[in-house]
PDB file of N, CA and C in Angstrom:
ATOM      1  N   UNK A   1     -39.484 -12.804   9.763  1.00  0.00           N
ATOM      2  CA  UNK A   1     -40.926 -13.933   9.404  1.00  0.00           C
ATOM      3  C   UNK A   1     -41.507 -13.939   8.527  1.00  0.00           C
ATOM      4  N   UNK A   2     -41.596 -12.386   8.142  1.00  0.00           N
ATOM      5  CA  UNK A   2     -42.713 -12.311   6.995  1.00  0.00           C
ATOM      6  C   UNK A   2     -42.352 -12.748   6.036  1.00  0.00           C
ATOM      7  N   UNK A   3     -40.934 -12.458   5.660  1.00  0.00           N
ATOM      8  CA  UNK A   3     -39.796 -13.301   4.345  1.00  0.00           C
ATOM      9  C   UNK A   3     -40.485 -14.461   4.264  1.00  0.00           C
ATOM     10  N   UNK A   4     -40.325 -15.377   5.705  1.00  0.00           N
ATOM     11  CA  UNK A   4     -40.504 -16.428   5.204  1.00  0.00           C
ATOM     12  C   UNK A   4     -41.773 -17.229   5.133  1.00  0.00           C
ATOM     13  N   UNK A   5     -42.862 -16.310   5.310  1.00  0.00           N
ATOM     14  CA  UNK A   5     -44.115 -16.929   4.992  1.00  0.00           C
ATOM     15  C   UNK A   5     -44.320 -16.446   3.948  1.00  0.00           C
ATOM     16  N   UNK A   6     -43.959 -15.757   2.916  1.00  0.00           N
ATOM     17  CA  UNK A   6     -43.813 -14.960   2.092  1.00  0.00           C
ATOM     18  C   UNK A   6     -43.342 -16.150   0.868  1.00  0.00           C
ATOM     19  N   UNK A   7     -42.197 -16.351   1.576  1.00  0.00           N
ATOM     20  CA  UNK A   7     -41.674 -17.691   0.644  1.00  0.00           C
ATOM     21  C   UNK A   7     -42.389 -19.073   0.674  1.00  0.00           C
ATOM     22  N   UNK A   8     -43.099 -19.332   1.712  1.00  0.00           N
ATOM     23  CA  UNK A   8     -43.319 -20.355   2.085  1.00  0.00           C
ATOM     24  C   UNK A   8     -44.787 -20.294   1.074  1.00  0.00           C
ATOM     25  N   UNK A   9     -45.064 -19.483   1.287  1.00  0.00           N
ATOM     26  CA  UNK A   9     -46.548 -18.669   0.052  1.00  0.00           C
ATOM     27  C   UNK A   9     -46.090 -19.298  -1.115  1.00  0.00           C
ATOM     28  N   UNK A  10     -45.137 -19.127  -1.341  1.00  0.00           N
ATOM     29  CA  UNK A  10     -44.953 -19.128  -3.146  1.00  0.00           C
ATOM     30  C   UNK A  10     -44.865 -20.115  -3.292  1.00  0.00           C
ATOM     31  N   UNK A  11     -43.991 -20.750  -2.619  1.00  0.00           N
ATOM     32  CA  UNK A  11     -43.618 -22.697  -2.923  1.00  0.00           C
ATOM     33  C   UNK A  11     -44.513 -23.484  -2.635  1.00  0.00           C
ATOM     34  N   UNK A  12     -45.328 -23.206  -2.151  1.00  0.00           N
ATOM     35  CA  UNK A  12     -46.718 -24.011  -1.593  1.00  0.00           C
ATOM     36  C   UNK A  12     -47.805 -23.568  -2.959  1.00  0.00           C
ATOM     37  N   UNK A  13     -47.512 -22.357  -3.835  1.00  0.00           N
ATOM     38  CA  UNK A  13     -48.166 -22.350  -4.884  1.00  0.00           C
ATOM     39  C   UNK A  13     -48.041 -22.856  -5.554  1.00  0.00           C
ATOM     40  N   UNK A  14     -46.608 -23.147  -5.888  1.00  0.00           N
ATOM     41  CA  UNK A  14     -46.098 -23.711  -6.625  1.00  0.00           C
ATOM     42  C   UNK A  14     -45.933 -25.485  -7.520  1.00  0.00           C
ATOM     43  N   UNK A  15     -45.843 -25.655  -5.991  1.00  0.00           N
ATOM     44  CA  UNK A  15     -46.257 -26.886  -5.690  1.00  0.00           C
ATOM     45  C   UNK A  15     -47.687 -27.871  -6.630  1.00  0.00           C
ATOM     46  N   UNK A  16     -48.624 -26.690  -6.413  1.00  0.00           N
ATOM     47  CA  UNK A  16     -50.448 -27.001  -6.446  1.00  0.00           C
ATOM     48  C   UNK A  16     -50.285 -26.836  -8.139  1.00  0.00           C
ATOM     49  N   UNK A  17     -49.773 -25.893  -8.332  1.00  0.00           N
ATOM     50  CA  UNK A  17     -49.388 -25.621  -9.649  1.00  0.00           C
ATOM     51  C   UNK A  17     -48.701 -26.907 -10.761  1.00  0.00           C
ATOM     52  N   UNK A  18     -48.030 -27.832 -10.038  1.00  0.00           N
ATOM     53  CA  UNK A  18     -47.368 -28.550 -10.704  1.00  0.00           C
ATOM     54  C   UNK A  18     -48.215 -30.433 -10.484  1.00  0.00           C
ATOM     55  N   UNK A  19     -49.166 -29.745  -9.457  1.00  0.00           N
ATOM     56  CA  UNK A  19     -49.675 -31.203  -9.103  1.00  0.00           C
ATOM     57  C   UNK A  19     -50.548 -31.518 -10.459  1.00  0.00           C
ATOM     58  N   UNK A  20     -50.976 -30.369 -10.505  1.00  0.00           N
ATOM     59  CA  UNK A  20     -52.353 -30.150 -11.012  1.00  0.00           C
ATOM     60  C   UNK A  20     -51.339 -30.265 -12.932  1.00  0.00           C
ATOM     61  N   UNK A  21     -50.587 -29.889 -12.754  1.00  0.00           N
ATOM     62  CA  UNK A  21     -50.126 -30.276 -14.716  1.00  0.00           C
ATOM     63  C   UNK A  21     -49.735 -31.618 -14.379  1.00  0.00           C
ATOM     64  N   UNK A  22     -49.119 -32.167 -13.702  1.00  0.00           N
ATOM     65  CA  UNK A  22     -48.871 -34.058 -13.563  1.00  0.00           C
ATOM     66  C   UNK A  22     -49.872 -34.903 -13.493  1.00  0.00           C
ATOM     67  N   UNK A  23     -50.996 -33.949 -12.907  1.00  0.00           N
ATOM     68  CA  UNK A  23     -52.458 -34.995 -13.123  1.00  0.00           C
ATOM     69  C   UNK A  23     -52.527 -34.915 -14.744  1.00  0.00           C
ATOM     70  N   UNK A  24     -52.711 -33.810 -15.252  1.00  0.00           N
ATOM     71  CA  UNK A  24     -52.893 -33.559 -16.330  1.00  0.00           C
ATOM     72  C   UNK A  24     -52.370 -34.699 -17.282  1.00  0.00           C
ATOM     73  N   UNK A  25     -51.087 -34.646 -17.281  1.00  0.00           N
ATOM     74  CA  UNK A  25     -49.996 -35.442 -17.812  1.00  0.00           C
ATOM     75  C   UNK A  25     -50.332 -37.060 -17.630  1.00  0.00           C
ATOM     76  N   UNK A  26     -51.224 -36.995 -16.693  1.00  0.00           N
ATOM     77  CA  UNK A  26     -51.278 -38.505 -16.516  1.00  0.00           C
ATOM     78  C   UNK A  26     -52.865 -39.280 -16.707  1.00  0.00           C
ATOM     79  N   UNK A  27     -53.021 -38.459 -16.987  1.00  0.00           N
ATOM     80  CA  UNK A  27     -54.757 -38.392 -17.590  1.00  0.00           C
ATOM     81  C   UNK A  27     -54.260 -38.423 -19.042  1.00  0.00           C
ATOM     82  N   UNK A  28     -53.717 -37.881 -19.752  1.00  0.00           N
ATOM     83  CA  UNK A  28     -53.250 -37.845 -20.902  1.00  0.00           C
ATOM     84  C   UNK A  28     -52.793 -38.992 -21.546  1.00  0.00           C
ATOM     85  N   UNK A  29     -51.993 -39.062 -20.797  1.00  0.00           N
ATOM     86  CA  UNK A  29     -50.961 -40.748 -21.264  1.00  0.00           C
ATOM     87  C   UNK A  29     -51.730 -41.892 -21.272  1.00  0.00           C
ATOM     88  N   UNK A  30     -52.979 -42.096 -19.717  1.00  0.00           N
ATOM     89  CA  UNK A  30     -53.905 -43.224 -20.199  1.00  0.00           C
ATOM     90  C   UNK A  30     -54.544 -43.052 -21.259  1.00  0.00           C
ATOM     91  N   UNK A  31     -54.851 -41.943 -21.809  1.00  0.00           N
ATOM     92  CA  UNK A  31     -55.909 -42.107 -22.610  1.00  0.00           C
ATOM     93  C   UNK A  31     -55.188 -42.358 -23.962  1.00  0.00           C
ATOM     94  N   UNK A  32     -54.014 -41.891 -24.326  1.00  0.00           N
ATOM     95  CA  UNK A  32     -52.928 -42.364 -25.187  1.00  0.00           C
ATOM     96  C   UNK A  32     -52.806 -43.601 -25.251  1.00  0.00           C
ATOM     97  N   UNK A  33     -53.006 -44.561 -24.014  1.00  0.00           N
ATOM     98  CA  UNK A  33     -52.584 -45.795 -24.394  1.00  0.00           C
ATOM     99  C   UNK A  33     -53.722 -46.368 -24.786  1.00  0.00           C
ATOM    100  N   UNK A  34     -54.889 -45.914 -24.391  1.00  0.00           N
ATOM    101  CA  UNK A  34     -56.113 -46.853 -25.197  1.00  0.00           C
ATOM    102  C   UNK A  34     -56.510 -46.678 -26.763  1.00  0.00           C
ATOM    103  N   UNK A  35     -55.803 -45.439 -27.297  1.00  0.00           N
ATOM    104  CA  UNK A  35     -55.796 -44.999 -28.573  1.00  0.00           C
ATOM    105  C   UNK A  35     -55.536 -45.788 -29.684  1.00  0.00           C
ATOM    106  N   UNK A  36     -56.076 -46.312 -30.397  1.00  0.00           N
ATOM    107  CA  UNK A  36     -55.786 -47.390 -31.270  1.00  0.00           C
ATOM    108  C   UNK A  36     -55.556 -46.313 -32.747  1.00  0.00           C
ATOM    109  N   UNK A  37     -55.891 -45.106 -33.282  1.00  0.00           N
ATOM    110  CA  UNK A  37     -55.662 -44.260 -34.060  1.00  0.00           C
ATOM    111  C   UNK A  37     -54.777 -43.406 -33.445  1.00  0.00           C
ATOM    112  N   UNK A  38     -53.934 -43.127 -34.044  1.00  0.00           N
ATOM    113  CA  UNK A  38     -52.366 -41.848 -34.092  1.00  0.00           C
ATOM    114  C   UNK A  38     -52.928 -40.375 -34.362  1.00  0.00           C
ATOM    115  N   UNK A  39     -52.776 -39.747 -33.071  1.00  0.00           N
ATOM    116  CA  UNK A  39     -53.074 -38.626 -33.237  1.00  0.00           C
ATOM    117  C   UNK A  39     -52.999 -37.859 -35.075  1.00  0.00           C
ATOM    118  N   UNK A  40     -51.485 -38.426 -35.417  1.00  0.00           N
ATOM    119  CA  UNK A  40     -51.500 -37.344 -37.207  1.00  0.00           C
ATOM    120  C   UNK A  40     -52.776 -38.326 -38.244  1.00  0.00           C
ATOM    121  N   UNK A  41     -52.756 -39.409 -37.593  1.00  0.00           N
ATOM    122  CA  UNK A  41     -54.171 -40.703 -38.711  1.00  0.00           C
ATOM    123  C   UNK A  41     -55.235 -39.847 -38.331  1.00  0.00           C
ATOM    124  N   UNK A  42     -55.465 -39.610 -37.080  1.00  0.00           N
ATOM    125  CA  UNK A  42     -56.750 -38.390 -36.944  1.00  0.00           C
ATOM    126  C   UNK A  42     -57.237 -37.453 -37.625  1.00  0.00           C
ATOM    127  N   UNK A  43     -55.813 -36.574 -37.052  1.00  0.00           N
ATOM    128  CA  UNK A  43     -55.526 -34.959 -37.998  1.00  0.00           C
ATOM    129  C   UNK A  43     -56.045 -35.627 -40.151  1.00  0.00           C
ATOM    130  N   UNK A  44     -55.289 -36.516 -40.444  1.00  0.00           N
ATOM    131  CA  UNK A  44     -55.974 -37.167 -42.015  1.00  0.00           C
ATOM    132  C   UNK A  44     -57.279 -37.058 -41.875  1.00  0.00           C
ATOM    133  N   UNK A  45     -57.806 -37.183 -41.377  1.00  0.00           N
ATOM    134  CA  UNK A  45     -58.932 -38.447 -41.621  1.00  0.00           C
ATOM    135  C   UNK A  45     -59.940 -36.603 -40.986  1.00  0.00           C
ATOM    136  N   UNK A  46     -59.851 -35.877 -39.919  1.00  0.00           N
ATOM    137  CA  UNK A  46     -60.298 -34.738 -39.881  1.00  0.00           C
ATOM    138  C   UNK A  46     -60.247 -33.611 -41.025  1.00  0.00           C
ATOM    139  N   UNK A  47     -58.902 -33.610 -41.204  1.00  0.00           N
ATOM    140  CA  UNK A  47     -59.038 -32.682 -42.130  1.00  0.00           C
ATOM    141  C   UNK A  47     -59.399 -32.914 -43.955  1.00  0.00           C
ATOM    142  N   UNK A  48     -59.170 -34.275 -43.854  1.00  0.00           N
ATOM    143  CA  UNK A  48     -60.019 -34.582 -45.567  1.00  0.00           C
ATOM    144  C   UNK A  48     -61.475 -34.647 -45.637  1.00  0.00           C
ATOM    145  N   UNK A  49     -62.586 -34.031 -43.911  1.00  0.00           N
ATOM    146  CA  UNK A  49     -63.499 -33.310 -44.189  1.00  0.00           C
ATOM    147  C   UNK A  49     -63.990 -31.652 -44.060  1.00  0.00           C
ATOM    148  N   UNK A  50     -62.922 -31.489 -44.136  1.00  0.00           N
ATOM    149  CA  UNK A  50     -62.535 -29.868 -44.421  1.00  0.00           C
ATOM    150  C   UNK A  50     -61.347 -29.499 -44.874  1.00  0.00           C
ATOM    151  N   UNK A  51     -61.658 -29.715 -46.680  1.00  0.00           N
ATOM    152  CA  UNK A  51     -60.405 -28.951 -47.503  1.00  0.00           C
ATOM    153  C   UNK A  51     -59.918 -27.609 -47.061  1.00  0.00           C
ATOM    154  N   UNK A  52     -58.729 -27.854 -47.028  1.00  0.00           N
ATOM    155  CA  UNK A  52     -58.447 -25.801 -46.451  1.00  0.00           C
ATOM    156  C   UNK A  52     -58.232 -25.756 -45.101  1.00  0.00           C
ATOM    157  N   UNK A  53     -58.673 -26.434 -44.557  1.00  0.00           N
ATOM    158  CA  UNK A  53     -59.305 -25.889 -43.008  1.00  0.00           C
ATOM    159  C   UNK A  53     -57.087 -26.411 -42.499  1.00  0.00           C
ATOM    160  N   UNK A  54     -57.231 -25.412 -41.411  1.00  0.00           N
ATOM    161  CA  UNK A  54     -56.028 -25.660 -40.589  1.00  0.00           C
ATOM    162  C   UNK A  54     -56.457 -26.231 -39.615  1.00  0.00           C
ATOM    163  N   UNK A  55     -56.044 -27.253 -38.632  1.00  0.00           N
ATOM    164  CA  UNK A  55     -56.089 -27.238 -36.891  1.00  0.00           C
ATOM    165  C   UNK A  55     -55.655 -26.190 -36.203  1.00  0.00           C
ATOM    166  N   UNK A  56     -56.797 -25.946 -35.750  1.00  0.00           N
ATOM    167  CA  UNK A  56     -56.314 -24.789 -34.715  1.00  0.00           C
ATOM    168  C   UNK A  56     -55.884 -25.588 -33.196  1.00  0.00           C
ATOM    169  N   UNK A  57     -56.572 -26.847 -32.633  1.00  0.00           N
ATOM    170  CA  UNK A  57     -56.281 -26.535 -31.579  1.00  0.00           C
ATOM    171  C   UNK A  57     -56.939 -28.516 -31.993  1.00  0.00           C
ATOM    172  N   UNK A  58     -56.218 -29.368 -31.064  1.00  0.00           N
ATOM    173  CA  UNK A  58     -56.647 -30.687 -30.954  1.00  0.00           C
ATOM    174  C   UNK A  58     -56.446 -31.405 -29.457  1.00  0.00           C
ATOM    175  N   UNK A  59     -57.308 -32.355 -29.223  1.00  0.00           N
ATOM    176  CA  UNK A  59     -57.683 -32.745 -27.991  1.00  0.00           C
ATOM    177  C   UNK A  59     -57.739 -34.827 -27.633  1.00  0.00           C
ATOM    178  N   UNK A  60     -57.436 -34.921 -27.109  1.00  0.00           N
ATOM    179  CA  UNK A  60     -57.775 -36.356 -26.770  1.00  0.00           C
ATOM    180  C   UNK A  60     -58.621 -36.368 -25.523  1.00  0.00           C
ATOM    181  N   UNK A  61     -59.958 -36.805 -25.234  1.00  0.00           N
ATOM    182  CA  UNK A  61     -61.159 -36.599 -24.573  1.00  0.00           C
ATOM    183  C   UNK A  61     -61.550 -38.297 -24.431  1.00  0.00           C
ATOM    184  N   UNK A  62     -62.130 -38.378 -23.349  1.00  0.00           N
ATOM    185  CA  UNK A  62     -63.686 -38.812 -23.180  1.00  0.00           C
ATOM    186  C   UNK A  62     -64.623 -37.914 -23.275  1.00  0.00           C
ATOM    187  N   UNK A  63     -66.091 -38.601 -24.262  1.00  0.00           N
ATOM    188  CA  UNK A  63     -66.898 -37.543 -24.618  1.00  0.00           C
ATOM    189  C   UNK A  63     -68.323 -38.939 -24.578  1.00  0.00           C
ATOM    190  N   UNK A  64     -69.374 -38.438 -23.992  1.00  0.00           N
ATOM    191  CA  UNK A  64     -69.983 -39.864 -23.479  1.00  0.00           C
ATOM    192  C   UNK A  64     -69.735 -40.755 -23.705  1.00  0.00           C
ATOM    193  N   UNK A  65     -68.738 -41.583 -23.149  1.00  0.00           N
ATOM    194  CA  UNK A  65     -68.178 -42.735 -22.555  1.00  0.00           C
ATOM    195  C   UNK A  65     -67.779 -43.695 -23.970  1.00  0.00           C
ATOM    196  N   UNK A  66     -67.302 -42.441 -25.136  1.00  0.00           N
ATOM    197  CA  UNK A  66     -65.944 -42.745 -26.088  1.00  0.00           C
ATOM    198  C   UNK A  66     -64.773 -41.909 -26.258  1.00  0.00           C
ATOM    199  N   UNK A  67     -64.038 -42.269 -26.640  1.00  0.00           N
ATOM    200  CA  UNK A  67     -62.411 -42.494 -26.551  1.00  0.00           C
ATOM    201  C   UNK A  67     -62.237 -41.252 -27.772  1.00  0.00           C
ATOM    202  N   UNK A  68     -61.823 -40.444 -28.184  1.00  0.00           N
ATOM    203  CA  UNK A  68     -62.049 -39.094 -29.655  1.00  0.00           C
ATOM    204  C   UNK A  68     -60.868 -38.585 -29.660  1.00  0.00           C
ATOM    205  N   UNK A  69     -60.573 -37.918 -30.771  1.00  0.00           N
ATOM    206  CA  UNK A  69     -59.519 -37.024 -30.892  1.00  0.00           C
ATOM    207  C   UNK A  69     -60.531 -35.855 -31.293  1.00  0.00           C
ATOM    208  N   UNK A  70     -60.135 -34.848 -30.696  1.00  0.00           N
ATOM    209  CA  UNK A  70     -61.405 -33.684 -31.050  1.00  0.00           C
ATOM    210  C   UNK A  70     -60.612 -32.219 -31.861  1.00  0.00           C
ATOM    211  N   UNK A  71     -60.839 -31.972 -32.655  1.00  0.00           N
ATOM    212  CA  UNK A  71     -60.454 -30.882 -33.871  1.00  0.00           C
ATOM    213  C   UNK A  71     -60.782 -29.540 -34.317  1.00  0.00           C
ATOM    214  N   UNK A  72     -60.511 -28.696 -33.501  1.00  0.00           N
ATOM    215  CA  UNK A  72     -61.107 -27.260 -34.242  1.00  0.00           C
ATOM    216  C   UNK A  72     -60.804 -27.071 -35.036  1.00  0.00           C
ATOM    217  N   UNK A  73     -60.962 -27.123 -36.360  1.00  0.00           N
ATOM    218  CA  UNK A  73     -60.539 -26.175 -37.947  1.00  0.00           C
ATOM    219  C   UNK A  73     -60.904 -25.175 -38.486  1.00  0.00           C
ATOM    220  N   UNK A  74     -60.499 -24.119 -38.475  1.00  0.00           N
ATOM    221  CA  UNK A  74     -60.282 -22.914 -38.859  1.00  0.00           C
ATOM    222  C   UNK A  74     -60.574 -22.940 -40.323  1.00  0.00           C
ATOM    223  N   UNK A  75     -61.248 -22.090 -41.555  1.00  0.00           N
ATOM    224  CA  UNK A  75     -61.030 -22.723 -42.385  1.00  0.00           C
ATOM    225  C   UNK A  75     -60.950 -21.174 -43.514  1.00  0.00           C
ATOM    226  N   UNK A  76     -60.346 -20.797 -44.320  1.00  0.00           N
ATOM    227  CA  UNK A  76     -59.820 -19.406 -44.696  1.00  0.00           C
ATOM    228  C   UNK A  76     -61.110 -18.896 -44.904  1.00  0.00           C
ATOM    229  N   UNK A  77     -60.979 -17.209 -44.572  1.00  0.00           N
ATOM    230  CA  UNK A  77     -62.471 -16.182 -44.512  1.00  0.00           C
ATOM    231  C   UNK A  77     -63.475 -16.246 -43.896  1.00  0.00           C
ATOM    232  N   UNK A  78     -63.085 -17.470 -42.980  1.00  0.00           N
ATOM    233  CA  UNK A  78     -64.213 -17.486 -41.994  1.00  0.00           C
ATOM    234  C   UNK A  78     -64.274 -17.636 -40.129  1.00  0.00           C
ATOM    235  N   UNK A  79     -64.940 -16.895 -39.333  1.00  0.00           N
ATOM    236  CA  UNK A  79     -64.570 -16.709 -37.878  1.00  0.00           C
ATOM    237  C   UNK A  79     -64.971 -18.154 -37.409  1.00  0.00           C
ATOM    238  N   UNK A  80     -65.799 -18.954 -38.159  1.00  0.00           N
ATOM    239  CA  UNK A  80     -66.426 -20.019 -37.653  1.00  0.00           C
ATOM    240  C   UNK A  80     -65.176 -21.326 -37.331  1.00  0.00           C
ATOM    241  N   UNK A  81     -65.610 -22.153 -36.422  1.00  0.00           N
ATOM    242  CA  UNK A  81     -64.555 -23.210 -36.486  1.00  0.00           C
ATOM    243  C   UNK A  81     -65.757 -24.474 -36.414  1.00  0.00           C
ATOM    244  N   UNK A  82     -64.969 -25.293 -37.321  1.00  0.00           N
ATOM    245  CA  UNK A  82     -65.334 -26.556 -37.751  1.00  0.00           C
ATOM    246  C   UNK A  82     -65.138 -27.441 -36.584  1.00  0.00           C
ATOM    247  N   UNK A  83     -66.084 -28.341 -35.464  1.00  0.00           N
ATOM    248  CA  UNK A  83     -64.955 -29.504 -34.566  1.00  0.00           C
ATOM    249  C   UNK A  83     -65.469 -30.893 -35.254  1.00  0.00           C
ATOM    250  N   UNK A  84     -64.451 -31.504 -35.153  1.00  0.00           N
ATOM    251  CA  UNK A  84     -64.372 -32.746 -35.648  1.00  0.00           C
ATOM    252  C   UNK A  84     -64.179 -33.658 -34.454  1.00  0.00           C
ATOM    253  N   UNK A  85     -64.935 -34.989 -34.701  1.00  0.00           N
ATOM    254  CA  UNK A  85     -64.745 -35.431 -33.717  1.00  0.00           C
ATOM    255  C   UNK A  85     -64.131 -36.901 -34.214  1.00  0.00           C
ATOM    256  N   UNK A  86     -63.379 -37.433 -33.960  1.00  0.00           N
ATOM    257  CA  UNK A  86     -62.585 -38.630 -34.504  1.00  0.00           C
ATOM    258  C   UNK A  86     -62.934 -39.897 -33.555  1.00  0.00           C
ATOM    259  N   UNK A  87     -63.162 -41.047 -33.551  1.00  0.00           N
ATOM    260  CA  UNK A  87     -63.352 -42.254 -32.999  1.00  0.00           C
ATOM    261  C   UNK A  87     -61.764 -42.524 -32.452  1.00  0.00           C
ATOM    262  N   UNK A  88     -61.227 -42.164 -31.170  1.00  0.00           N
ATOM    263  CA  UNK A  88     -59.549 -42.752 -31.494  1.00  0.00           C
ATOM    264  C   UNK A  88     -59.232 -44.278 -30.982  1.00  0.00           C
ATOM    265  N   UNK A  89     -60.884 -44.943 -31.665  1.00  0.00           N
ATOM    266  CA  UNK A  89     -60.182 -46.279 -31.125  1.00  0.00           C
ATOM    267  C   UNK A  89     -60.732 -47.217 -32.954  1.00  0.00           C
ATOM    268  N   UNK A  90     -61.284 -46.647 -33.729  1.00  0.00           N
ATOM    269  CA  UNK A  90     -62.115 -46.956 -34.683  1.00  0.00           C
ATOM    270  C   UNK A  90     -61.963 -46.477 -36.208  1.00  0.00           C
ATOM    271  N   UNK A  91     -61.557 -44.711 -36.008  1.00  0.00           N
ATOM    272  CA  UNK A  91     -61.058 -43.987 -36.684  1.00  0.00           C
ATOM    273  C   UNK A  91     -62.573 -43.075 -37.514  1.00  0.00           C
ATOM    274  N   UNK A  92     -63.641 -43.586 -36.743  1.00  0.00           N
ATOM    275  CA  UNK A  92     -65.044 -42.940 -38.180  1.00  0.00           C
ATOM    276  C   UNK A  92     -65.056 -41.380 -36.967  1.00  0.00           C
ATOM    277  N   UNK A  93     -65.501 -40.728 -38.221  1.00  0.00           N
ATOM    278  CA  UNK A  93     -65.895 -39.432 -37.282  1.00  0.00           C
ATOM    279  C   UNK A  93     -67.202 -39.486 -37.127  1.00  0.00           C
ATOM    280  N   UNK A  94     -67.079 -39.288 -35.945  1.00  0.00           N
ATOM    281  CA  UNK A  94     -68.604 -39.233 -34.886  1.00  0.00           C
ATOM    282  C   UNK A  94     -69.389 -38.007 -34.905  1.00  0.00           C
ATOM    283  N   UNK A  95     -68.886 -36.815 -35.284  1.00  0.00           N
ATOM    284  CA  UNK A  95     -69.705 -35.552 -35.487  1.00  0.00           C
ATOM    285  C   UNK A  95     -68.643 -34.330 -36.155  1.00  0.00           C
ATOM    286  N   UNK A  96     -69.580 -33.690 -36.908  1.00  0.00           N
ATOM    287  CA  UNK A  96     -69.359 -32.301 -37.513  1.00  0.00           C
ATOM    288  C   UNK A  96     -69.728 -31.115 -36.684  1.00  0.00           C
ATOM    289  N   UNK A  97     -69.549 -29.884 -35.892  1.00  0.00           N
ATOM    290  CA  UNK A  97     -70.133 -29.072 -35.942  1.00  0.00           C
ATOM    291  C   UNK A  97     -69.277 -28.048 -36.214  1.00  0.00           C
ATOM    292  N   UNK A  98     -70.516 -26.492 -36.378  1.00  0.00           N
ATOM    293  CA  UNK A  98     -69.936 -25.512 -36.430  1.00  0.00           C
ATOM    294  C   UNK A  98     -69.985 -24.598 -35.800  1.00  0.00           C
ATOM    295  N   UNK A  99     -68.846 -23.767 -35.406  1.00  0.00           N
ATOM    296  CA  UNK A  99     -69.439 -23.270 -34.192  1.00  0.00           C
ATOM    297  C   UNK A  99     -69.644 -22.019 -34.265  1.00  0.00           C
ATOM    298  N   UNK A 100     -69.937 -20.667 -34.214  1.00  0.00           N
ATOM    299  CA  UNK A 100     -70.032 -19.101 -34.188  1.00  0.00           C
ATOM    300  C   UNK A 100     -68.769 -19.007 -33.656  1.00  0.00           C
ATOM    301  N   UNK A 101     -68.063 -17.600 -33.117  1.00  0.00           N
ATOM    302  CA  UNK A 101     -67.798 -16.856 -32.350  1.00  0.00           C
ATOM    303  C   UNK A 101     -67.829 -17.078 -30.982  1.00  0.00           C
ATOM    304  N   UNK A 102     -69.235 -16.457 -31.086  1.00  0.00           N
ATOM    305  CA  UNK A 102     -70.198 -16.277 -29.693  1.00  0.00           C
ATOM    306  C   UNK A 102     -70.520 -17.889 -28.810  1.00  0.00           C
ATOM    307  N   UNK A 103     -70.186 -18.489 -30.211  1.00  0.00           N
ATOM    308  CA  UNK A 103     -70.138 -20.077 -28.982  1.00  0.00           C
ATOM    309  C   UNK A 103     -68.879 -20.759 -28.872  1.00  0.00           C
ATOM    310  N   UNK A 104     -67.994 -20.408 -29.209  1.00  0.00           N
ATOM    311  CA  UNK A 104     -66.671 -20.749 -28.570  1.00  0.00           C
ATOM    312  C   UNK A 104     -66.518 -19.528 -27.608  1.00  0.00           C
ATOM    313  N   UNK A 105     -66.703 -18.653 -27.225  1.00  0.00           N
ATOM    314  CA  UNK A 105     -66.704 -18.110 -26.172  1.00  0.00           C
ATOM    315  C   UNK A 105     -67.594 -18.173 -24.916  1.00  0.00           C
ATOM    316  N   UNK A 106     -68.742 -19.124 -25.010  1.00  0.00           N
ATOM    317  CA  UNK A 106     -69.403 -19.632 -23.955  1.00  0.00           C
ATOM    318  C   UNK A 106     -69.269 -20.991 -23.867  1.00  0.00           C
ATOM    319  N   UNK A 107     -67.861 -21.674 -24.818  1.00  0.00           N
ATOM    320  CA  UNK A 107     -67.297 -23.137 -24.632  1.00  0.00           C
ATOM    321  C   UNK A 107     -66.407 -22.687 -23.291  1.00  0.00           C
ATOM    322  N   UNK A 108     -65.331 -21.391 -24.113  1.00  0.00           N
ATOM    323  CA  UNK A 108     -64.150 -21.611 -23.614  1.00  0.00           C
ATOM    324  C   UNK A 108     -64.807 -21.069 -21.818  1.00  0.00           C
ATOM    325  N   UNK A 109     -65.431 -20.134 -21.611  1.00  0.00           N
ATOM    326  CA  UNK A 109     -65.753 -19.628 -20.621  1.00  0.00           C
ATOM    327  C   UNK A 109     -67.030 -20.561 -19.512  1.00  0.00           C
ATOM    328  N   UNK A 110     -67.153 -22.315 -20.091  1.00  0.00           N
ATOM    329  CA  UNK A 110     -67.799 -23.022 -19.492  1.00  0.00           C
ATOM    330  C   UNK A 110     -66.655 -24.148 -18.872  1.00  0.00           C
ATOM    331  N   UNK A 111     -65.846 -24.027 -19.822  1.00  0.00           N
ATOM    332  CA  UNK A 111     -64.517 -24.859 -19.620  1.00  0.00           C
ATOM    333  C   UNK A 111     -63.293 -24.008 -18.398  1.00  0.00           C
ATOM    334  N   UNK A 112     -63.648 -22.822 -17.982  1.00  0.00           N
ATOM    335  CA  UNK A 112     -62.466 -22.005 -17.159  1.00  0.00           C
ATOM    336  C   UNK A 112     -62.960 -22.530 -16.094  1.00  0.00           C
ATOM    337  N   UNK A 113     -64.786 -22.888 -15.924  1.00  0.00           N
ATOM    338  CA  UNK A 113     -65.075 -22.484 -14.431  1.00  0.00           C
ATOM    339  C   UNK A 113     -64.678 -24.391 -14.492  1.00  0.00           C
ATOM    340  N   UNK A 114     -64.477 -25.218 -14.808  1.00  0.00           N
ATOM    341  CA  UNK A 114     -64.285 -26.091 -14.527  1.00  0.00           C
ATOM    342  C   UNK A 114     -63.273 -27.053 -13.780  1.00  0.00           C
TER     343      UNK A 114
END
């Protein structure tokens, strides 16, 4: 009986994890269908603003009602990250922000709570 309960618990956890992953993929697919600027083109636009930079992370997201490609770009010899947002419809750069390691840690903690 204990084994049966244990197995059912493991299956339930697996199903919940699968549903969360599927929900993320559905949201991502919906956003990509709305984007007119491809990820590759948005990367070129962002990297043009940060010569010698390397993309660490990227994400397509809605921010303040606007669909954007968001890129975290690292620069050689710096621990700061340059976050560049490219409008996924027009291709315009909508923001360029520097983040210190402390700011990055705060942002990660806030994202983990969501």
